[in-house]
Amino acid sequence: MNQQIYVTLDADGVMRVAQTRVMRDSVVAAFEEGHSAETIQQQYPVPLR
């Protein structure tokens, strides 16, 4: 069974979304402010692989 990794820890100890420069804390903060998942995704566009 393959597991996809959604959060990584960079060299400075910052948690980032997958292989992006988007900080996990930024996504969590936006969610806690009431933004929908769709709105957060639009705020941080990531190219499709």
PDB file of N, CA and C in Angstrom:
ATOM      1  N   MET A   1       0.837  -1.181   0.000  1.00  0.00           N
ATOM      2  CA  MET A   1       0.000   0.000   0.000  1.00  0.00           C
ATOM      3  C   MET A   1       0.888   1.254   0.000  1.00  0.00           C
ATOM      4  N   ASN A   2       0.696   2.121  -0.969  1.00  0.00           N
ATOM      5  CA  ASN A   2       1.446   3.376  -1.050  1.00  0.00           C
ATOM      6  C   ASN A   2       0.731   4.455  -0.262  1.00  0.00           C
ATOM      7  N   GLN A   3       1.476   5.166   0.561  1.00  0.00           N
ATOM      8  CA  GLN A   3       0.917   6.293   1.291  1.00  0.00           C
ATOM      9  C   GLN A   3       1.487   7.572   0.717  1.00  0.00           C
ATOM     10  N   GLN A   4       0.599   8.537   0.482  1.00  0.00           N
ATOM     11  CA  GLN A   4       1.044   9.819  -0.031  1.00  0.00           C
ATOM     12  C   GLN A   4       1.358  10.732   1.147  1.00  0.00           C
ATOM     13  N   ILE A   5       2.467  11.432   1.083  1.00  0.00           N
ATOM     14  CA  ILE A   5       2.874  12.340   2.152  1.00  0.00           C
ATOM     15  C   ILE A   5       2.369  13.738   1.813  1.00  0.00           C
ATOM     16  N   TYR A   6       1.579  14.296   2.740  1.00  0.00           N
ATOM     17  CA  TYR A   6       0.980  15.607   2.502  1.00  0.00           C
ATOM     18  C   TYR A   6       1.710  16.732   3.227  1.00  0.00           C
ATOM     19  N   VAL A   7       2.487  16.400   4.251  1.00  0.00           N
ATOM     20  CA  VAL A   7       3.216  17.412   5.007  1.00  0.00           C
ATOM     21  C   VAL A   7       4.665  16.949   5.140  1.00  0.00           C
ATOM     22  N   THR A   8       5.592  17.867   4.868  1.00  0.00           N
ATOM     23  CA  THR A   8       7.010  17.558   5.023  1.00  0.00           C
ATOM     24  C   THR A   8       7.636  18.556   5.987  1.00  0.00           C
ATOM     25  N   LEU A   9       8.754  18.188   6.534  1.00  0.00           N
ATOM     26  CA  LEU A   9       9.510  19.049   7.435  1.00  0.00           C
ATOM     27  C   LEU A   9      10.752  19.504   6.684  1.00  0.00           C
ATOM     28  N   ASP A  10      10.915  20.839   6.546  1.00  0.00           N
ATOM     29  CA  ASP A  10      12.072  21.316   5.794  1.00  0.00           C
ATOM     30  C   ASP A  10      13.313  21.380   6.689  1.00  0.00           C
ATOM     31  N   ALA A  11      14.420  21.826   6.130  1.00  0.00           N
ATOM     32  CA  ALA A  11      15.700  21.851   6.852  1.00  0.00           C
ATOM     33  C   ALA A  11      15.669  22.766   8.076  1.00  0.00           C
ATOM     34  N   ASP A  12      14.770  23.749   8.064  1.00  0.00           N
ATOM     35  CA  ASP A  12      14.655  24.684   9.186  1.00  0.00           C
ATOM     36  C   ASP A  12      13.619  24.238  10.210  1.00  0.00           C
ATOM     37  N   GLY A  13      13.000  23.070   9.987  1.00  0.00           N
ATOM     38  CA  GLY A  13      12.007  22.562  10.918  1.00  0.00           C
ATOM     39  C   GLY A  13      10.611  23.101  10.692  1.00  0.00           C
ATOM     40  N   VAL A  14      10.380  23.722   9.533  1.00  0.00           N
ATOM     41  CA  VAL A  14       9.068  24.264   9.196  1.00  0.00           C
ATOM     42  C   VAL A  14       8.268  23.202   8.456  1.00  0.00           C
ATOM     43  N   MET A  15       7.023  23.008   8.882  1.00  0.00           N
ATOM     44  CA  MET A  15       6.156  22.043   8.201  1.00  0.00           C
ATOM     45  C   MET A  15       5.574  22.704   6.956  1.00  0.00           C
ATOM     46  N   ARG A  16       5.712  22.012   5.827  1.00  0.00           N
ATOM     47  CA  ARG A  16       5.232  22.537   4.547  1.00  0.00           C
ATOM     48  C   ARG A  16       4.311  21.527   3.888  1.00  0.00           C
ATOM     49  N   VAL A  17       3.432  22.032   3.027  1.00  0.00           N
ATOM     50  CA  VAL A  17       2.490  21.182   2.309  1.00  0.00           C
ATOM     51  C   VAL A  17       3.239  20.464   1.196  1.00  0.00           C
ATOM     52  N   ALA A  18       3.279  19.143   1.297  1.00  0.00           N
ATOM     53  CA  ALA A  18       3.916  18.267   0.298  1.00  0.00           C
ATOM     54  C   ALA A  18       5.251  18.840  -0.145  1.00  0.00           C
ATOM     55  N   GLN A  19       5.466  18.979  -1.442  1.00  0.00           N
ATOM     56  CA  GLN A  19       6.731  19.472  -1.987  1.00  0.00           C
ATOM     57  C   GLN A  19       6.617  20.930  -2.422  1.00  0.00           C
ATOM     58  N   THR A  20       5.897  21.734  -1.622  1.00  0.00           N
ATOM     59  CA  THR A  20       5.722  23.154  -1.949  1.00  0.00           C
ATOM     60  C   THR A  20       6.411  24.003  -0.894  1.00  0.00           C
ATOM     61  N   ARG A  21       6.362  25.303  -1.086  1.00  0.00           N
ATOM     62  CA  ARG A  21       6.882  26.235  -0.083  1.00  0.00           C
ATOM     63  C   ARG A  21       5.763  26.762   0.806  1.00  0.00           C
ATOM     64  N   VAL A  22       4.557  26.235   0.662  1.00  0.00           N
ATOM     65  CA  VAL A  22       3.409  26.667   1.454  1.00  0.00           C
ATOM     66  C   VAL A  22       3.535  26.094   2.865  1.00  0.00           C
ATOM     67  N   MET A  23       3.512  26.981   3.860  1.00  0.00           N
ATOM     68  CA  MET A  23       3.622  26.526   5.239  1.00  0.00           C
ATOM     69  C   MET A  23       2.292  25.949   5.716  1.00  0.00           C
ATOM     70  N   ARG A  24       2.383  24.825   6.409  1.00  0.00           N
ATOM     71  CA  ARG A  24       1.186  24.176   6.940  1.00  0.00           C
ATOM     72  C   ARG A  24       0.428  25.131   7.848  1.00  0.00           C
ATOM     73  N   ASP A  25       1.145  25.919   8.653  1.00  0.00           N
ATOM     74  CA  ASP A  25       0.497  26.853   9.572  1.00  0.00           C
ATOM     75  C   ASP A  25      -0.354  27.884   8.837  1.00  0.00           C
ATOM     76  N   SER A  26       0.060  28.278   7.632  1.00  0.00           N
ATOM     77  CA  SER A  26      -0.726  29.234   6.844  1.00  0.00           C
ATOM     78  C   SER A  26      -2.055  28.630   6.430  1.00  0.00           C
ATOM     79  N   VAL A  27      -2.030  27.362   6.054  1.00  0.00           N
ATOM     80  CA  VAL A  27      -3.258  26.680   5.639  1.00  0.00           C
ATOM     81  C   VAL A  27      -4.185  26.514   6.843  1.00  0.00           C
ATOM     82  N   VAL A  28      -3.625  26.114   7.977  1.00  0.00           N
ATOM     83  CA  VAL A  28      -4.426  25.937   9.191  1.00  0.00           C
ATOM     84  C   VAL A  28      -5.034  27.266   9.628  1.00  0.00           C
ATOM     85  N   ALA A  29      -4.253  28.337   9.595  1.00  0.00           N
ATOM     86  CA  ALA A  29      -4.757  29.656   9.994  1.00  0.00           C
ATOM     87  C   ALA A  29      -5.912  30.094   9.099  1.00  0.00           C
ATOM     88  N   ALA A  30      -5.784  29.889   7.801  1.00  0.00           N
ATOM     89  CA  ALA A  30      -6.854  30.261   6.871  1.00  0.00           C
ATOM     90  C   ALA A  30      -8.118  29.462   7.177  1.00  0.00           C
ATOM     91  N   PHE A  31      -7.962  28.179   7.484  1.00  0.00           N
ATOM     92  CA  PHE A  31      -9.113  27.336   7.818  1.00  0.00           C
ATOM     93  C   PHE A  31      -9.767  27.821   9.115  1.00  0.00           C
ATOM     94  N   GLU A  32      -8.953  28.145  10.104  1.00  0.00           N
ATOM     95  CA  GLU A  32      -9.491  28.620  11.381  1.00  0.00           C
ATOM     96  C   GLU A  32     -10.182  29.974  11.248  1.00  0.00           C
ATOM     97  N   GLU A  33      -9.792  30.746  10.238  1.00  0.00           N
ATOM     98  CA  GLU A  33     -10.452  32.033   9.964  1.00  0.00           C
ATOM     99  C   GLU A  33     -11.770  31.840   9.237  1.00  0.00           C
ATOM    100  N   GLY A  34     -12.086  30.599   8.872  1.00  0.00           N
ATOM    101  CA  GLY A  34     -13.368  30.312   8.254  1.00  0.00           C
ATOM    102  C   GLY A  34     -13.345  30.138   6.751  1.00  0.00           C
ATOM    103  N   HIS A  35     -12.168  30.163   6.149  1.00  0.00           N
ATOM    104  CA  HIS A  35     -12.083  29.975   4.708  1.00  0.00           C
ATOM    105  C   HIS A  35     -12.359  28.516   4.353  1.00  0.00           C
ATOM    106  N   SER A  36     -12.994  28.309   3.230  1.00  0.00           N
ATOM    107  CA  SER A  36     -13.278  26.942   2.777  1.00  0.00           C
ATOM    108  C   SER A  36     -12.016  26.328   2.182  1.00  0.00           C
ATOM    109  N   ALA A  37     -12.027  25.020   2.058  1.00  0.00           N
ATOM    110  CA  ALA A  37     -10.891  24.321   1.451  1.00  0.00           C
ATOM    111  C   ALA A  37     -10.646  24.822   0.033  1.00  0.00           C
ATOM    112  N   GLU A  38     -11.726  25.090  -0.694  1.00  0.00           N
ATOM    113  CA  GLU A  38     -11.602  25.558  -2.072  1.00  0.00           C
ATOM    114  C   GLU A  38     -10.934  26.933  -2.128  1.00  0.00           C
ATOM    115  N   THR A  39     -11.311  27.814  -1.212  1.00  0.00           N
ATOM    116  CA  THR A  39     -10.717  29.152  -1.170  1.00  0.00           C
ATOM    117  C   THR A  39      -9.237  29.078  -0.827  1.00  0.00           C
ATOM    118  N   ILE A  40      -8.900  28.225   0.126  1.00  0.00           N
ATOM    119  CA  ILE A  40      -7.495  28.066   0.501  1.00  0.00           C
ATOM    120  C   ILE A  40      -6.694  27.520  -0.670  1.00  0.00           C
ATOM    121  N   GLN A  41      -7.246  26.551  -1.374  1.00  0.00           N
ATOM    122  CA  GLN A  41      -6.550  25.978  -2.529  1.00  0.00           C
ATOM    123  C   GLN A  41      -6.305  27.045  -3.599  1.00  0.00           C
ATOM    124  N   GLN A  42      -7.274  27.922  -3.817  1.00  0.00           N
ATOM    125  CA  GLN A  42      -7.113  28.980  -4.818  1.00  0.00           C
ATOM    126  C   GLN A  42      -6.058  29.998  -4.385  1.00  0.00           C
ATOM    127  N   GLN A  43      -5.904  30.178  -3.077  1.00  0.00           N
ATOM    128  CA  GLN A  43      -4.919  31.131  -2.559  1.00  0.00           C
ATOM    129  C   GLN A  43      -3.487  30.633  -2.779  1.00  0.00           C
ATOM    130  N   TYR A  44      -3.318  29.316  -2.797  1.00  0.00           N
ATOM    131  CA  TYR A  44      -1.998  28.718  -2.955  1.00  0.00           C
ATOM    132  C   TYR A  44      -1.992  27.786  -4.164  1.00  0.00           C
ATOM    133  N   PRO A  45      -2.021  28.335  -5.374  1.00  0.00           N
ATOM    134  CA  PRO A  45      -2.057  27.458  -6.542  1.00  0.00           C
ATOM    135  C   PRO A  45      -0.781  26.615  -6.657  1.00  0.00           C
ATOM    136  N   VAL A  46      -0.972  25.352  -6.866  1.00  0.00           N
ATOM    137  CA  VAL A  46       0.139  24.419  -7.013  1.00  0.00           C
ATOM    138  C   VAL A  46      -0.006  23.750  -8.374  1.00  0.00           C
ATOM    139  N   PRO A  47       1.036  23.751  -9.186  1.00  0.00           N
ATOM    140  CA  PRO A  47       0.928  23.119 -10.497  1.00  0.00           C
ATOM    141  C   PRO A  47       0.628  21.615 -10.370  1.00  0.00           C
ATOM    142  N   LEU A  48      -0.214  21.127 -11.266  1.00  0.00           N
ATOM    143  CA  LEU A  48      -0.525  19.711 -11.279  1.00  0.00           C
ATOM    144  C   LEU A  48       0.684  18.937 -11.775  1.00  0.00           C
ATOM    145  N   ARG A  49       0.859  17.742 -11.251  1.00  0.00           N
ATOM    146  CA  ARG A  49       2.010  16.923 -11.654  1.00  0.00           C
ATOM    147  C   ARG A  49       1.676  16.073 -12.827  1.00  0.00           C
TER     148      ARG A  49
END
